């Protein structure tokens, strides 16, 4: 199941995409599927047909992991 992330790249606007699994400490790159801007538009420096981008960790400031749709639907115990 793909994991939705917001990728913060050095000197660039953040982009949204999907990764196949959580990155490991031994990884030297991050493979991002379906890259797009936060508003859903195409990333301007990528060709419109690009569906997978490989970023080296040296270019990445940090990665935000977005909650899964199933996690958003969970309603916890509410005490009244």
PDB file of N, CA and C in Angstrom:
ATOM      1  N   UNK A   1       0.846  -1.177   0.000  1.00  0.00           N
ATOM      2  CA  UNK A   1       0.000   0.000   0.000  1.00  0.00           C
ATOM      3  C   UNK A   1       0.894   1.243   0.000  1.00  0.00           C
ATOM      4  N   UNK A   2       0.691   2.149  -0.942  1.00  0.00           N
ATOM      5  CA  UNK A   2       1.531   3.348  -1.000  1.00  0.00           C
ATOM      6  C   UNK A   2       1.288   4.265   0.194  1.00  0.00           C
ATOM      7  N   UNK A   3       2.337   4.977   0.562  1.00  0.00           N
ATOM      8  CA  UNK A   3       2.285   5.926   1.667  1.00  0.00           C
ATOM      9  C   UNK A   3       2.381   7.324   1.072  1.00  0.00           C
ATOM     10  N   UNK A   4       1.428   8.196   1.376  1.00  0.00           N
ATOM     11  CA  UNK A   4       1.451   9.573   0.879  1.00  0.00           C
ATOM     12  C   UNK A   4       2.390  10.405   1.737  1.00  0.00           C
ATOM     13  N   UNK A   5       3.234  11.209   1.063  1.00  0.00           N
ATOM     14  CA  UNK A   5       4.210  12.034   1.766  1.00  0.00           C
ATOM     15  C   UNK A   5       4.251  13.433   1.164  1.00  0.00           C
ATOM     16  N   UNK A   6       4.730  14.382   1.963  1.00  0.00           N
ATOM     17  CA  UNK A   6       5.094  15.703   1.467  1.00  0.00           C
ATOM     18  C   UNK A   6       6.608  15.765   1.555  1.00  0.00           C
ATOM     19  N   UNK A   7       7.242  15.997   0.426  1.00  0.00           N
ATOM     20  CA  UNK A   7       8.698  15.985   0.326  1.00  0.00           C
ATOM     21  C   UNK A   7       9.195  17.422   0.270  1.00  0.00           C
ATOM     22  N   UNK A   8      10.039  17.802   1.229  1.00  0.00           N
ATOM     23  CA  UNK A   8      10.611  19.144   1.281  1.00  0.00           C
ATOM     24  C   UNK A   8      12.030  19.070   0.735  1.00  0.00           C
ATOM     25  N   UNK A   9      12.209  19.614  -0.468  1.00  0.00           N
ATOM     26  CA  UNK A   9      13.482  19.565  -1.180  1.00  0.00           C
ATOM     27  C   UNK A   9      14.192  20.898  -0.992  1.00  0.00           C
ATOM     28  N   UNK A  10      15.518  20.874  -0.883  1.00  0.00           N
ATOM     29  CA  UNK A  10      16.308  22.089  -0.708  1.00  0.00           C
ATOM     30  C   UNK A  10      16.036  23.087  -1.826  1.00  0.00           C
ATOM     31  N   UNK A  11      15.730  24.320  -1.453  1.00  0.00           N
ATOM     32  CA  UNK A  11      15.520  25.440  -2.378  1.00  0.00           C
ATOM     33  C   UNK A  11      14.393  25.213  -3.384  1.00  0.00           C
ATOM     34  N   UNK A  12      13.412  24.390  -3.056  1.00  0.00           N
ATOM     35  CA  UNK A  12      12.264  24.132  -3.935  1.00  0.00           C
ATOM     36  C   UNK A  12      10.986  24.150  -3.100  1.00  0.00           C
ATOM     37  N   UNK A  13       9.865  24.296  -3.775  1.00  0.00           N
ATOM     38  CA  UNK A  13       8.566  24.181  -3.125  1.00  0.00           C
ATOM     39  C   UNK A  13       8.334  22.721  -2.735  1.00  0.00           C
ATOM     40  N   UNK A  14       7.644  22.452  -1.627  1.00  0.00           N
ATOM     41  CA  UNK A  14       7.334  21.061  -1.264  1.00  0.00           C
ATOM     42  C   UNK A  14       6.466  20.405  -2.329  1.00  0.00           C
ATOM     43  N   UNK A  15       6.658  19.102  -2.514  1.00  0.00           N
ATOM     44  CA  UNK A  15       5.826  18.357  -3.452  1.00  0.00           C
ATOM     45  C   UNK A  15       5.224  17.156  -2.742  1.00  0.00           C
ATOM     46  N   UNK A  16       4.110  16.700  -3.271  1.00  0.00           N
ATOM     47  CA  UNK A  16       3.391  15.554  -2.714  1.00  0.00           C
ATOM     48  C   UNK A  16       3.592  14.367  -3.636  1.00  0.00           C
ATOM     49  N   UNK A  17       3.648  13.187  -3.054  1.00  0.00           N
ATOM     50  CA  UNK A  17       3.764  11.973  -3.848  1.00  0.00           C
ATOM     51  C   UNK A  17       3.539  10.754  -2.981  1.00  0.00           C
ATOM     52  N   UNK A  18       3.786   9.595  -3.552  1.00  0.00           N
ATOM     53  CA  UNK A  18       3.605   8.327  -2.853  1.00  0.00           C
ATOM     54  C   UNK A  18       4.919   7.568  -2.835  1.00  0.00           C
ATOM     55  N   UNK A  19       5.185   6.886  -1.726  1.00  0.00           N
ATOM     56  CA  UNK A  19       6.333   5.990  -1.637  1.00  0.00           C
ATOM     57  C   UNK A  19       5.807   4.591  -1.340  1.00  0.00           C
ATOM     58  N   UNK A  20       6.568   3.581  -1.716  1.00  0.00           N
ATOM     59  CA  UNK A  20       6.123   2.192  -1.557  1.00  0.00           C
ATOM     60  C   UNK A  20       6.212   1.703  -0.114  1.00  0.00           C
ATOM     61  N   UNK A  21       7.152   2.216   0.645  1.00  0.00           N
ATOM     62  CA  UNK A  21       7.328   1.801   2.034  1.00  0.00           C
ATOM     63  C   UNK A  21       8.155   2.833   2.773  1.00  0.00           C
ATOM     64  N   UNK A  22       8.258   2.669   4.077  1.00  0.00           N
ATOM     65  CA  UNK A  22       9.048   3.603   4.869  1.00  0.00           C
ATOM     66  C   UNK A  22      10.519   3.493   4.476  1.00  0.00           C
ATOM     67  N   UNK A  23      11.217   4.630   4.367  1.00  0.00           N
ATOM     68  CA  UNK A  23      12.638   4.591   4.009  1.00  0.00           C
ATOM     69  C   UNK A  23      13.462   3.917   5.105  1.00  0.00           C
ATOM     70  N   UNK A  24      14.488   3.208   4.683  1.00  0.00           N
ATOM     71  CA  UNK A  24      15.399   2.541   5.609  1.00  0.00           C
ATOM     72  C   UNK A  24      16.630   3.417   5.832  1.00  0.00           C
ATOM     73  N   UNK A  25      17.333   3.197   6.920  1.00  0.00           N
ATOM     74  CA  UNK A  25      18.537   3.966   7.220  1.00  0.00           C
ATOM     75  C   UNK A  25      19.628   3.744   6.179  1.00  0.00           C
ATOM     76  N   UNK A  26      19.622   2.615   5.525  1.00  0.00           N
ATOM     77  CA  UNK A  26      20.651   2.301   4.529  1.00  0.00           C
ATOM     78  C   UNK A  26      20.337   2.865   3.143  1.00  0.00           C
ATOM     79  N   UNK A  27      19.151   3.433   2.938  1.00  0.00           N
ATOM     80  CA  UNK A  27      18.775   3.980   1.628  1.00  0.00           C
ATOM     81  C   UNK A  27      19.573   5.248   1.329  1.00  0.00           C
ATOM     82  N   UNK A  28      19.975   5.407   0.075  1.00  0.00           N
ATOM     83  CA  UNK A  28      20.673   6.626  -0.340  1.00  0.00           C
ATOM     84  C   UNK A  28      19.782   7.515  -1.208  1.00  0.00           C
ATOM     85  N   UNK A  29      18.633   6.987  -1.635  1.00  0.00           N
ATOM     86  CA  UNK A  29      17.689   7.751  -2.453  1.00  0.00           C
ATOM     87  C   UNK A  29      16.267   7.499  -1.954  1.00  0.00           C
ATOM     88  N   UNK A  30      15.371   8.395  -2.338  1.00  0.00           N
ATOM     89  CA  UNK A  30      13.946   8.228  -2.061  1.00  0.00           C
ATOM     90  C   UNK A  30      13.231   8.187  -3.406  1.00  0.00           C
ATOM     91  N   UNK A  31      12.466   7.134  -3.644  1.00  0.00           N
ATOM     92  CA  UNK A  31      11.738   6.975  -4.900  1.00  0.00           C
ATOM     93  C   UNK A  31      10.308   7.461  -4.678  1.00  0.00           C
ATOM     94  N   UNK A  32       9.935   8.501  -5.413  1.00  0.00           N
ATOM     95  CA  UNK A  32       8.636   9.146  -5.260  1.00  0.00           C
ATOM     96  C   UNK A  32       7.781   8.874  -6.492  1.00  0.00           C
ATOM     97  N   UNK A  33       6.591   8.325  -6.276  1.00  0.00           N
ATOM     98  CA  UNK A  33       5.647   8.037  -7.359  1.00  0.00           C
ATOM     99  C   UNK A  33       4.592   9.140  -7.417  1.00  0.00           C
ATOM    100  N   UNK A  34       4.123   9.448  -8.620  1.00  0.00           N
ATOM    101  CA  UNK A  34       3.069  10.445  -8.851  1.00  0.00           C
ATOM    102  C   UNK A  34       3.379  11.800  -8.211  1.00  0.00           C
ATOM    103  N   UNK A  35       4.535  12.399  -8.533  1.00  0.00           N
ATOM    104  CA  UNK A  35       4.871  13.698  -7.938  1.00  0.00           C
ATOM    105  C   UNK A  35       3.937  14.796  -8.440  1.00  0.00           C
ATOM    106  N   UNK A  36       3.543  15.690  -7.520  1.00  0.00           N
ATOM    107  CA  UNK A  36       2.690  16.816  -7.870  1.00  0.00           C
ATOM    108  C   UNK A  36       2.872  17.910  -6.821  1.00  0.00           C
ATOM    109  N   UNK A  37       2.486  19.124  -7.172  1.00  0.00           N
ATOM    110  CA  UNK A  37       2.549  20.214  -6.213  1.00  0.00           C
ATOM    111  C   UNK A  37       1.450  20.033  -5.176  1.00  0.00           C
ATOM    112  N   UNK A  38       1.513  20.801  -4.120  1.00  0.00           N
ATOM    113  CA  UNK A  38       0.530  20.669  -3.044  1.00  0.00           C
ATOM    114  C   UNK A  38      -0.891  20.982  -3.505  1.00  0.00           C
ATOM    115  N   UNK A  39      -1.024  21.799  -4.531  1.00  0.00           N
ATOM    116  CA  UNK A  39      -2.357  22.113  -5.052  1.00  0.00           C
ATOM    117  C   UNK A  39      -2.819  21.120  -6.115  1.00  0.00           C
ATOM    118  N   UNK A  40      -2.034  20.063  -6.355  1.00  0.00           N
ATOM    119  CA  UNK A  40      -2.413  19.020  -7.299  1.00  0.00           C
ATOM    120  C   UNK A  40      -1.921  19.234  -8.716  1.00  0.00           C
ATOM    121  N   UNK A  41      -1.311  20.382  -8.987  1.00  0.00           N
ATOM    122  CA  UNK A  41      -0.811  20.676 -10.331  1.00  0.00           C
ATOM    123  C   UNK A  41       0.518  19.963 -10.576  1.00  0.00           C
ATOM    124  N   UNK A  42       0.935  19.934 -11.850  1.00  0.00           N
ATOM    125  CA  UNK A  42       2.210  19.315 -12.215  1.00  0.00           C
ATOM    126  C   UNK A  42       3.377  20.100 -11.628  1.00  0.00           C
ATOM    127  N   UNK A  43       4.459  19.393 -11.325  1.00  0.00           N
ATOM    128  CA  UNK A  43       5.687  20.023 -10.844  1.00  0.00           C
ATOM    129  C   UNK A  43       6.342  20.700 -12.050  1.00  0.00           C
ATOM    130  N   UNK A  44       6.633  22.008 -11.974  1.00  0.00           N
ATOM    131  CA  UNK A  44       7.081  22.736 -13.166  1.00  0.00           C
ATOM    132  C   UNK A  44       8.413  22.263 -13.755  1.00  0.00           C
ATOM    133  N   UNK A  45       9.310  21.739 -12.952  1.00  0.00           N
ATOM    134  CA  UNK A  45      10.607  21.321 -13.472  1.00  0.00           C
ATOM    135  C   UNK A  45      10.629  19.866 -13.936  1.00  0.00           C
ATOM    136  N   UNK A  46       9.482  19.202 -13.919  1.00  0.00           N
ATOM    137  CA  UNK A  46       9.379  17.830 -14.421  1.00  0.00           C
ATOM    138  C   UNK A  46       8.517  17.799 -15.679  1.00  0.00           C
ATOM    139  N   UNK A  47       8.812  16.859 -16.570  1.00  0.00           N
ATOM    140  CA  UNK A  47       7.995  16.654 -17.757  1.00  0.00           C
ATOM    141  C   UNK A  47       6.606  16.177 -17.328  1.00  0.00           C
ATOM    142  N   UNK A  48       5.600  16.471 -18.108  1.00  0.00           N
ATOM    143  CA  UNK A  48       4.224  16.126 -17.731  1.00  0.00           C
ATOM    144  C   UNK A  48       3.973  14.621 -17.687  1.00  0.00           C
ATOM    145  N   UNK A  49       4.784  13.821 -18.392  1.00  0.00           N
ATOM    146  CA  UNK A  49       4.590  12.370 -18.430  1.00  0.00           C
ATOM    147  C   UNK A  49       5.332  11.620 -17.322  1.00  0.00           C
ATOM    148  N   UNK A  50       6.089  12.321 -16.491  1.00  0.00           N
ATOM    149  CA  UNK A  50       6.886  11.675 -15.442  1.00  0.00           C
ATOM    150  C   UNK A  50       5.967  11.156 -14.341  1.00  0.00           C
ATOM    151  N   UNK A  51       6.159   9.879 -13.972  1.00  0.00           N
ATOM    152  CA  UNK A  51       5.360   9.294 -12.890  1.00  0.00           C
ATOM    153  C   UNK A  51       6.213   8.843 -11.710  1.00  0.00           C
ATOM    154  N   UNK A  52       7.534   8.727 -11.903  1.00  0.00           N
ATOM    155  CA  UNK A  52       8.434   8.305 -10.830  1.00  0.00           C
ATOM    156  C   UNK A  52       9.675   9.194 -10.861  1.00  0.00           C
ATOM    157  N   UNK A  53      10.071   9.693  -9.678  1.00  0.00           N
ATOM    158  CA  UNK A  53      11.271  10.516  -9.553  1.00  0.00           C
ATOM    159  C   UNK A  53      12.126   9.930  -8.444  1.00  0.00           C
ATOM    160  N   UNK A  54      13.446   9.912  -8.656  1.00  0.00           N
ATOM    161  CA  UNK A  54      14.383   9.411  -7.650  1.00  0.00           C
ATOM    162  C   UNK A  54      15.169  10.606  -7.118  1.00  0.00           C
ATOM    163  N   UNK A  55      15.029  10.888  -5.821  1.00  0.00           N
ATOM    164  CA  UNK A  55      15.722  12.002  -5.181  1.00  0.00           C
ATOM    165  C   UNK A  55      16.807  11.469  -4.253  1.00  0.00           C
ATOM    166  N   UNK A  56      18.033  12.011  -4.328  1.00  0.00           N
ATOM    167  CA  UNK A  56      19.062  11.630  -3.354  1.00  0.00           C
ATOM    168  C   UNK A  56      18.766  12.315  -2.013  1.00  0.00           C
ATOM    169  N   UNK A  57      19.112  11.664  -0.931  1.00  0.00           N
ATOM    170  CA  UNK A  57      18.834  12.205   0.401  1.00  0.00           C
ATOM    171  C   UNK A  57      19.540  13.532   0.643  1.00  0.00           C
ATOM    172  N   UNK A  58      20.637  13.804  -0.074  1.00  0.00           N
ATOM    173  CA  UNK A  58      21.361  15.065   0.114  1.00  0.00           C
ATOM    174  C   UNK A  58      20.507  16.270  -0.267  1.00  0.00           C
ATOM    175  N   UNK A  59      19.530  16.079  -1.144  1.00  0.00           N
ATOM    176  CA  UNK A  59      18.671  17.177  -1.612  1.00  0.00           C
ATOM    177  C   UNK A  59      17.399  17.335  -0.782  1.00  0.00           C
ATOM    178  N   UNK A  60      17.145  16.421   0.130  1.00  0.00           N
ATOM    179  CA  UNK A  60      15.895  16.416   0.895  1.00  0.00           C
ATOM    180  C   UNK A  60      16.130  16.992   2.288  1.00  0.00           C
ATOM    181  N   UNK A  61      15.326  18.002   2.655  1.00  0.00           N
ATOM    182  CA  UNK A  61      15.400  18.551   4.010  1.00  0.00           C
ATOM    183  C   UNK A  61      14.677  17.646   5.000  1.00  0.00           C
ATOM    184  N   UNK A  62      13.422  17.323   4.702  1.00  0.00           N
ATOM    185  CA  UNK A  62      12.674  16.387   5.536  1.00  0.00           C
ATOM    186  C   UNK A  62      11.464  15.880   4.773  1.00  0.00           C
ATOM    187  N   UNK A  63      10.842  14.826   5.316  1.00  0.00           N
ATOM    188  CA  UNK A  63       9.695  14.182   4.692  1.00  0.00           C
ATOM    189  C   UNK A  63       8.561  14.139   5.711  1.00  0.00           C
ATOM    190  N   UNK A  64       7.383  14.587   5.309  1.00  0.00           N
ATOM    191  CA  UNK A  64       6.193  14.492   6.154  1.00  0.00           C
ATOM    192  C   UNK A  64       5.378  13.289   5.701  1.00  0.00           C
ATOM    193  N   UNK A  65       5.032  12.421   6.639  1.00  0.00           N
ATOM    194  CA  UNK A  65       4.207  11.252   6.348  1.00  0.00           C
ATOM    195  C   UNK A  65       2.753  11.635   6.598  1.00  0.00           C
ATOM    196  N   UNK A  66       1.926  11.522   5.572  1.00  0.00           N
ATOM    197  CA  UNK A  66       0.517  11.881   5.688  1.00  0.00           C
ATOM    198  C   UNK A  66      -0.267  10.701   6.265  1.00  0.00           C
ATOM    199  N   UNK A  67      -1.310  10.977   7.062  1.00  0.00           N
ATOM    200  CA  UNK A  67      -2.106   9.876   7.624  1.00  0.00           C
ATOM    201  C   UNK A  67      -2.837   9.124   6.517  1.00  0.00           C
ATOM    202  N   UNK A  68      -2.958   7.833   6.693  1.00  0.00           N
ATOM    203  CA  UNK A  68      -3.686   7.007   5.732  1.00  0.00           C
ATOM    204  C   UNK A  68      -5.175   7.290   5.853  1.00  0.00           C
ATOM    205  N   UNK A  69      -5.919   7.029   4.790  1.00  0.00           N
ATOM    206  CA  UNK A  69      -7.364   7.274   4.808  1.00  0.00           C
ATOM    207  C   UNK A  69      -8.057   6.454   5.887  1.00  0.00           C
ATOM    208  N   UNK A  70      -7.591   5.236   6.108  1.00  0.00           N
ATOM    209  CA  UNK A  70      -8.195   4.383   7.130  1.00  0.00           C
ATOM    210  C   UNK A  70      -7.986   4.981   8.520  1.00  0.00           C
ATOM    211  N   UNK A  71      -6.814   5.600   8.753  1.00  0.00           N
ATOM    212  CA  UNK A  71      -6.541   6.203  10.050  1.00  0.00           C
ATOM    213  C   UNK A  71      -7.419   7.423  10.285  1.00  0.00           C
ATOM    214  N   UNK A  72      -7.745   8.166   9.225  1.00  0.00           N
ATOM    215  CA  UNK A  72      -8.565   9.356   9.370  1.00  0.00           C
ATOM    216  C   UNK A  72      -9.997   9.022   9.763  1.00  0.00           C
ATOM    217  N   UNK A  73     -10.483   7.850   9.403  1.00  0.00           N
ATOM    218  CA  UNK A  73     -11.862   7.467   9.673  1.00  0.00           C
ATOM    219  C   UNK A  73     -12.059   6.909  11.079  1.00  0.00           C
ATOM    220  N   UNK A  74     -10.994   6.605  11.789  1.00  0.00           N
ATOM    221  CA  UNK A  74     -11.103   6.025  13.126  1.00  0.00           C
ATOM    222  C   UNK A  74     -11.569   7.095  14.104  1.00  0.00           C
ATOM    223  N   UNK A  75     -12.613   6.788  14.833  1.00  0.00           N
ATOM    224  CA  UNK A  75     -13.122   7.693  15.858  1.00  0.00           C
ATOM    225  C   UNK A  75     -12.830   7.054  17.202  1.00  0.00           C
ATOM    226  N   UNK A  76     -12.085   7.760  18.026  1.00  0.00           N
ATOM    227  CA  UNK A  76     -11.713   7.232  19.327  1.00  0.00           C
ATOM    228  C   UNK A  76     -12.853   7.328  20.325  1.00  0.00           C
ATOM    229  N   UNK A  77     -12.628   6.809  21.501  1.00  0.00           N
ATOM    230  CA  UNK A  77     -13.607   6.837  22.575  1.00  0.00           C
ATOM    231  C   UNK A  77     -13.806   8.283  23.023  1.00  0.00           C
ATOM    232  N   UNK A  78     -15.060   8.698  23.110  1.00  0.00           N
ATOM    233  CA  UNK A  78     -15.383  10.054  23.532  1.00  0.00           C
ATOM    234  C   UNK A  78     -16.145   9.968  24.844  1.00  0.00           C
ATOM    235  N   UNK A  79     -15.633  10.669  25.831  1.00  0.00           N
ATOM    236  CA  UNK A  79     -16.283  10.651  27.140  1.00  0.00           C
ATOM    237  C   UNK A  79     -17.123  11.911  27.286  1.00  0.00           C
ATOM    238  N   UNK A  80     -18.370  11.742  27.658  1.00  0.00           N
ATOM    239  CA  UNK A  80     -19.260  12.901  27.812  1.00  0.00           C
ATOM    240  C   UNK A  80     -19.589  13.149  29.244  1.00  0.00           C
TER     241      UNK A  80
END
